Amino acid sequence: MFTEISRKEIKNELVQKLHEISGQDVFDCYQCGNCSSGCPVVDYMDINPNQVLRLAQYGKIQDILESETIWVCSTCLQCSSRCPKGIDVAKLMEAFRTINLRAGLGIVDPRKLDVENKDELPPILLVCAMRKLTG
């Protein structure tokens, strides 16, 4: 399959915004896959972390913003600690979430949670969820 990609598409506004927010250069990634192989929640992601980086390199930020992966990431920093190029992948995931939250997407109102037995949930789970999902 042949896909044509233009320079304008690769260096689009969302790629620049991603760099501004995260301070990370996705173009440093050479797809070794260490980030994905060390991720404890990769089985729950629809796009693996190294694939997220590849899509970002192609300027396909909107595909990433619409994925579940950015919300599934636990920000445990395994990916960041394993990257031989020093890319802070967790910081990139946080930047993707920030872009969505600034656009009003993915925001959760804790008062509207439809979860049975909220009192039995681990407090750290609620803190993490609120940190990720509130604007």
C-alpha atoms as a PDB file:
ATOM      1  CA  MET A   1       0.000   0.000   0.000  1.00  0.00           C
ATOM      2  CA  PHE A   2       1.346   3.396  -0.989  1.00  0.00           C
ATOM      3  CA  THR A   3       0.558   6.440   1.123  1.00  0.00           C
ATOM      4  CA  GLU A   4       1.612   9.890   0.058  1.00  0.00           C
ATOM      5  CA  ILE A   5       2.562  12.222   2.877  1.00  0.00           C
ATOM      6  CA  SER A   6       3.482  15.848   2.401  1.00  0.00           C
ATOM      7  CA  ARG A   7       5.875  17.945   4.466  1.00  0.00           C
ATOM      8  CA  LYS A   8       2.956  20.233   5.313  1.00  0.00           C
ATOM      9  CA  GLU A   9       1.031  17.274   6.710  1.00  0.00           C
ATOM     10  CA  ILE A  10       3.974  16.043   8.793  1.00  0.00           C
ATOM     11  CA  LYS A  11       4.678  19.445  10.349  1.00  0.00           C
ATOM     12  CA  ASN A  12       1.039  20.394  10.889  1.00  0.00           C
ATOM     13  CA  GLU A  13      -0.324  22.620  13.645  1.00  0.00           C
ATOM     14  CA  LEU A  14      -1.134  19.731  16.003  1.00  0.00           C
ATOM     15  CA  VAL A  15       2.402  18.329  15.731  1.00  0.00           C
ATOM     16  CA  GLN A  16       3.781  21.740  16.648  1.00  0.00           C
ATOM     17  CA  LYS A  17       1.308  22.033  19.532  1.00  0.00           C
ATOM     18  CA  LEU A  18       2.362  18.596  20.748  1.00  0.00           C
ATOM     19  CA  HIS A  19       5.989  19.714  20.773  1.00  0.00           C
ATOM     20  CA  GLU A  20       5.135  22.949  22.585  1.00  0.00           C
ATOM     21  CA  ILE A  21       3.196  21.160  25.328  1.00  0.00           C
ATOM     22  CA  SER A  22       5.479  18.155  25.833  1.00  0.00           C
ATOM     23  CA  GLY A  23       8.875  19.509  24.857  1.00  0.00           C
ATOM     24  CA  GLN A  24       9.513  16.159  23.162  1.00  0.00           C
ATOM     25  CA  ASP A  25      10.617  15.595  19.566  1.00  0.00           C
ATOM     26  CA  VAL A  26       8.728  12.618  18.120  1.00  0.00           C
ATOM     27  CA  PHE A  27      11.134  12.566  15.197  1.00  0.00           C
ATOM     28  CA  ASP A  28      13.896  11.255  17.496  1.00  0.00           C
ATOM     29  CA  CYS A  29      12.074   7.895  17.713  1.00  0.00           C
ATOM     30  CA  TYR A  30      13.503   5.133  15.513  1.00  0.00           C
ATOM     31  CA  GLN A  31      10.835   2.540  16.403  1.00  0.00           C
ATOM     32  CA  CYS A  32      12.851   0.188  18.592  1.00  0.00           C
ATOM     33  CA  GLY A  33       9.616  -0.747  20.399  1.00  0.00           C
ATOM     34  CA  ASN A  34      11.091  -0.674  23.925  1.00  0.00           C
ATOM     35  CA  CYS A  35       8.306   1.641  25.055  1.00  0.00           C
ATOM     36  CA  SER A  36       5.613  -0.812  23.988  1.00  0.00           C
ATOM     37  CA  SER A  37       7.390  -3.910  25.260  1.00  0.00           C
ATOM     38  CA  GLY A  38       7.718  -2.430  28.744  1.00  0.00           C
ATOM     39  CA  CYS A  39       4.246  -0.943  29.009  1.00  0.00           C
ATOM     40  CA  PRO A  40       2.159  -2.753  31.665  1.00  0.00           C
ATOM     41  CA  VAL A  41      -1.160  -1.685  30.086  1.00  0.00           C
ATOM     42  CA  VAL A  42      -0.321  -2.159  26.391  1.00  0.00           C
ATOM     43  CA  ASP A  43      -2.826  -5.029  26.100  1.00  0.00           C
ATOM     44  CA  TYR A  44      -5.631  -2.556  26.829  1.00  0.00           C
ATOM     45  CA  MET A  45      -4.495   0.025  24.268  1.00  0.00           C
ATOM     46  CA  ASP A  46      -5.880   0.251  20.746  1.00  0.00           C
ATOM     47  CA  ILE A  47      -2.584   1.719  19.490  1.00  0.00           C
ATOM     48  CA  ASN A  48       0.774   0.687  20.992  1.00  0.00           C
ATOM     49  CA  PRO A  49       3.034   3.498  22.272  1.00  0.00           C
ATOM     50  CA  ASN A  50       5.594   3.052  19.474  1.00  0.00           C
ATOM     51  CA  GLN A  51       2.743   3.191  16.956  1.00  0.00           C
ATOM     52  CA  VAL A  52       1.562   6.438  18.562  1.00  0.00           C
ATOM     53  CA  LEU A  53       5.002   7.870  17.941  1.00  0.00           C
ATOM     54  CA  ARG A  54       4.991   6.652  14.323  1.00  0.00           C
ATOM     55  CA  LEU A  55       1.576   8.206  13.705  1.00  0.00           C
ATOM     56  CA  ALA A  56       2.823  11.457  15.235  1.00  0.00           C
ATOM     57  CA  GLN A  57       5.842  11.364  12.915  1.00  0.00           C
ATOM     58  CA  TYR A  58       3.427  11.099   9.994  1.00  0.00           C
ATOM     59  CA  GLY A  59       1.381  14.015  11.330  1.00  0.00           C
ATOM     60  CA  LYS A  60      -1.607  11.807  12.087  1.00  0.00           C
ATOM     61  CA  ILE A  61      -2.277  13.465  15.459  1.00  0.00           C
ATOM     62  CA  GLN A  62      -6.050  13.390  15.032  1.00  0.00           C
ATOM     63  CA  ASP A  63      -5.940   9.569  14.832  1.00  0.00           C
ATOM     64  CA  ILE A  64      -4.099   9.520  18.161  1.00  0.00           C
ATOM     65  CA  LEU A  65      -6.477  12.009  19.783  1.00  0.00           C
ATOM     66  CA  GLU A  66      -9.401   9.761  18.858  1.00  0.00           C
ATOM     67  CA  SER A  67      -7.766   6.630  20.286  1.00  0.00           C
ATOM     68  CA  GLU A  68      -8.291   5.021  23.683  1.00  0.00           C
ATOM     69  CA  THR A  69      -4.553   4.692  24.202  1.00  0.00           C
ATOM     70  CA  ILE A  70      -3.993   8.211  25.514  1.00  0.00           C
ATOM     71  CA  TRP A  71      -6.598   7.619  28.226  1.00  0.00           C
ATOM     72  CA  VAL A  72      -5.429   4.078  29.031  1.00  0.00           C
ATOM     73  CA  CYS A  73      -1.811   5.170  29.618  1.00  0.00           C
ATOM     74  CA  SER A  74      -1.150   4.953  33.342  1.00  0.00           C
ATOM     75  CA  THR A  75       1.785   7.391  33.170  1.00  0.00           C
ATOM     76  CA  CYS A  76       3.933   4.873  35.033  1.00  0.00           C
ATOM     77  CA  LEU A  77       7.001   6.108  33.098  1.00  0.00           C
ATOM     78  CA  GLN A  78       8.170   2.622  32.057  1.00  0.00           C
ATOM     79  CA  CYS A  79       8.126   3.727  28.417  1.00  0.00           C
ATOM     80  CA  SER A  80      10.105   6.855  29.190  1.00  0.00           C
ATOM     81  CA  SER A  81      12.729   5.026  31.232  1.00  0.00           C
ATOM     82  CA  ARG A  82      13.209   2.397  28.496  1.00  0.00           C
ATOM     83  CA  CYS A  83      13.578   4.771  25.543  1.00  0.00           C
ATOM     84  CA  PRO A  84      17.203   4.718  24.288  1.00  0.00           C
ATOM     85  CA  LYS A  85      16.677   8.138  22.692  1.00  0.00           C
ATOM     86  CA  GLY A  86      15.427   9.702  25.926  1.00  0.00           C
ATOM     87  CA  ILE A  87      11.959  10.458  24.635  1.00  0.00           C
ATOM     88  CA  ASP A  88       9.539  10.970  27.509  1.00  0.00           C
ATOM     89  CA  VAL A  89       6.629   9.028  26.009  1.00  0.00           C
ATOM     90  CA  ALA A  90       4.513   9.524  29.138  1.00  0.00           C
ATOM     91  CA  LYS A  91       4.893  13.271  28.683  1.00  0.00           C
ATOM     92  CA  LEU A  92       3.672  12.914  25.091  1.00  0.00           C
ATOM     93  CA  MET A  93       0.616  10.951  26.262  1.00  0.00           C
ATOM     94  CA  GLU A  94      -0.085  13.706  28.782  1.00  0.00           C
ATOM     95  CA  ALA A  95       0.223  16.276  25.984  1.00  0.00           C
ATOM     96  CA  PHE A  96      -2.306  14.370  23.852  1.00  0.00           C
ATOM     97  CA  ARG A  97      -4.726  14.339  26.781  1.00  0.00           C
ATOM     98  CA  THR A  98      -4.107  18.045  27.345  1.00  0.00           C
ATOM     99  CA  ILE A  99      -4.926  18.841  23.699  1.00  0.00           C
ATOM    100  CA  ASN A 100      -8.193  16.933  24.034  1.00  0.00           C
ATOM    101  CA  LEU A 101      -9.088  18.483  27.391  1.00  0.00           C
ATOM    102  CA  ARG A 102      -8.405  21.994  26.067  1.00  0.00           C
ATOM    103  CA  ALA A 103     -10.807  21.204  23.224  1.00  0.00           C
ATOM    104  CA  GLY A 104     -13.420  20.133  25.767  1.00  0.00           C
ATOM    105  CA  LEU A 105     -13.135  16.448  24.867  1.00  0.00           C
ATOM    106  CA  GLY A 106     -12.803  13.639  27.388  1.00  0.00           C
ATOM    107  CA  ILE A 107     -13.852  15.689  30.392  1.00  0.00           C
ATOM    108  CA  VAL A 108     -15.573  13.736  33.149  1.00  0.00           C
ATOM    109  CA  ASP A 109     -17.887  15.248  35.687  1.00  0.00           C
ATOM    110  CA  PRO A 110     -17.360  13.242  38.903  1.00  0.00           C
ATOM    111  CA  ARG A 111     -20.946  13.929  39.944  1.00  0.00           C
ATOM    112  CA  LYS A 112     -22.208  12.124  36.856  1.00  0.00           C
ATOM    113  CA  LEU A 113     -20.128   8.952  37.238  1.00  0.00           C
ATOM    114  CA  ASP A 114     -22.241   5.871  36.758  1.00  0.00           C
ATOM    115  CA  VAL A 115     -20.226   3.465  38.855  1.00  0.00           C
ATOM    116  CA  GLU A 116     -21.711   1.099  41.388  1.00  0.00           C
ATOM    117  CA  ASN A 117     -20.018   0.926  44.756  1.00  0.00           C
ATOM    118  CA  LYS A 118     -17.913   4.056  44.314  1.00  0.00           C
ATOM    119  CA  ASP A 119     -16.896   3.743  47.951  1.00  0.00           C
ATOM    120  CA  GLU A 120     -15.108   0.468  47.194  1.00  0.00           C
ATOM    121  CA  LEU A 121     -12.892   1.932  44.477  1.00  0.00           C
ATOM    122  CA  PRO A 122      -9.257   2.507  45.472  1.00  0.00           C
ATOM    123  CA  PRO A 123      -8.770   6.227  46.204  1.00  0.00           C
ATOM    124  CA  ILE A 124      -5.645   6.323  44.018  1.00  0.00           C
ATOM    125  CA  LEU A 125      -7.771   5.185  41.061  1.00  0.00           C
ATOM    126  CA  LEU A 126     -10.156   8.073  41.574  1.00  0.00           C
ATOM    127  CA  VAL A 127      -7.310  10.551  42.010  1.00  0.00           C
ATOM    128  CA  CYS A 128      -5.623   9.331  38.793  1.00  0.00           C
ATOM    129  CA  ALA A 129      -8.883   9.381  36.868  1.00  0.00           C
ATOM    130  CA  MET A 130      -9.739  12.887  38.016  1.00  0.00           C
ATOM    131  CA  ARG A 131      -6.235  14.092  37.216  1.00  0.00           C
ATOM    132  CA  LYS A 132      -6.473  12.700  33.707  1.00  0.00           C
ATOM    133  CA  LEU A 133     -10.079  13.385  32.889  1.00  0.00           C
ATOM    134  CA  THR A 134     -10.969  16.731  34.411  1.00  0.00           C
ATOM    135  CA  GLY A 135     -10.310  19.930  32.630  1.00  0.00           C
END
